[in-house]
């Protein structure tokens, strides 16, 4: 299992619109091969900051299967205009398994 992590900085005042768009976008990511689960957490100290966590079976499921898919274009159109700056994505795997 691979954990994708991204801190999402949403343009101030766009939080509600982002949350509504994410409700639609999450259906896209949840339909992808290798997807396990996801969560989006809103920062308590900075209301325009969110943490996206997505579990994938493999790194390739995210980097190739999702990001190179036509579904990703819809994801991008729904969400990318909310980000400022654009998020940096990192991937993690457990050292305990």
Protein backbone atom coordinates (compact mmCIF):
# COMPACT_ATOMS: atom_id res chain seq x y z
CA UNK A 1 0.00 0.00 0.00
CA UNK A 2 1.18 3.51 -0.87
CA UNK A 3 -0.08 6.63 0.86
CA UNK A 4 -0.31 9.77 -1.25
CA UNK A 5 -0.17 13.01 0.75
CA UNK A 6 -0.73 16.56 -0.44
CA UNK A 7 -1.30 19.78 1.44
CA UNK A 8 -3.89 21.79 -0.49
CA UNK A 9 -3.80 25.56 -0.13
CA UNK A 10 -7.14 26.84 -1.37
CA UNK A 11 -7.57 30.43 -2.51
CA UNK A 12 -9.11 32.33 0.44
CA UNK A 13 -12.87 32.59 0.18
CA UNK A 14 -13.08 29.54 -2.12
CA UNK A 15 -13.27 26.90 0.63
CA UNK A 16 -16.98 26.09 0.25
CA UNK A 17 -16.74 25.92 -3.54
CA UNK A 18 -13.69 23.64 -3.23
CA UNK A 19 -15.48 21.33 -0.78
CA UNK A 20 -18.48 21.09 -3.11
CA UNK A 21 -16.27 20.36 -6.12
CA UNK A 22 -14.37 17.73 -4.16
CA UNK A 23 -17.63 15.89 -3.44
CA UNK A 24 -17.91 15.32 -7.19
CA UNK A 25 -14.19 14.75 -7.78
CA UNK A 26 -13.96 12.03 -5.13
CA UNK A 27 -16.24 9.83 -7.21
CA UNK A 28 -13.65 9.98 -9.99
CA UNK A 29 -10.68 8.95 -7.87
CA UNK A 30 -12.67 6.26 -6.07
CA UNK A 31 -13.41 4.59 -9.41
CA UNK A 32 -9.75 4.20 -10.41
CA UNK A 33 -7.82 0.94 -10.53
CA UNK A 34 -5.67 0.51 -7.44
CA UNK A 35 -7.61 3.01 -5.34
CA UNK A 36 -8.13 1.87 -1.73
CA UNK A 37 -9.49 4.86 0.21
CA UNK A 38 -9.11 8.59 0.72
CA UNK A 39 -9.72 11.36 3.22
CA UNK A 40 -9.59 15.14 3.14
CA UNK A 41 -8.96 16.96 6.39
CA UNK A 42 -9.52 20.67 6.94
CA UNK A 43 -6.90 22.50 8.98
CA UNK A 44 -8.24 23.93 12.23
CA UNK A 45 -5.72 26.77 12.36
CA UNK A 46 -5.86 27.87 8.70
CA UNK A 47 -9.31 27.49 7.18
CA UNK A 48 -8.02 27.57 3.60
CA UNK A 49 -5.64 24.63 4.14
CA UNK A 50 -6.57 20.96 3.62
CA UNK A 51 -4.72 17.66 3.81
CA UNK A 52 -5.47 15.10 1.09
CA UNK A 53 -4.63 11.47 1.85
CA UNK A 54 -5.18 8.72 -0.72
CA UNK A 55 -4.24 5.08 -0.32
CA UNK A 56 -3.26 3.25 -3.50
CA UNK A 57 -2.26 -0.36 -4.08
CA UNK A 58 0.90 0.77 -5.93
CA UNK A 59 2.69 3.99 -6.83
CA UNK A 60 2.03 3.24 -10.50
CA UNK A 61 -1.73 3.14 -9.84
CA UNK A 62 -1.51 6.81 -8.92
CA UNK A 63 1.31 8.13 -11.11
CA UNK A 64 0.40 6.29 -14.30
CA UNK A 65 -3.07 4.76 -13.95
CA UNK A 66 -4.73 7.87 -12.53
CA UNK A 67 -2.61 10.80 -13.67
CA UNK A 68 -2.41 9.60 -17.28
CA UNK A 69 -6.13 8.79 -17.52
CA UNK A 70 -8.93 10.74 -19.17
CA UNK A 71 -10.65 10.76 -15.76
CA UNK A 72 -7.75 12.81 -14.42
CA UNK A 73 -8.62 15.58 -16.89
CA UNK A 74 -12.07 15.87 -15.27
CA UNK A 75 -10.46 15.82 -11.77
CA UNK A 76 -8.12 18.56 -12.90
CA UNK A 77 -10.92 20.73 -14.29
CA UNK A 78 -12.91 20.38 -11.07
CA UNK A 79 -10.10 21.12 -8.60
CA UNK A 80 -6.88 22.60 -9.92
CA UNK A 81 -8.14 26.19 -10.22
CA UNK A 82 -8.67 26.32 -6.43
CA UNK A 83 -4.98 25.77 -5.54
CA UNK A 84 -2.55 28.58 -4.73
CA UNK A 85 0.19 27.48 -4.79
CA UNK A 86 -0.15 24.17 -6.60
CA UNK A 87 0.33 21.29 -4.14
CA UNK A 88 3.42 19.14 -3.91
CA UNK A 89 2.50 15.46 -3.68
CA UNK A 90 4.53 12.91 -1.73
CA UNK A 91 4.13 9.16 -1.49
CA UNK A 92 4.85 7.02 1.55
CA UNK A 93 5.05 3.33 2.37
CA UNK A 94 5.19 1.75 5.79
CA UNK A 95 8.47 0.59 7.24
CA UNK A 96 6.57 -1.67 9.64
CA UNK A 97 5.30 -4.19 7.12
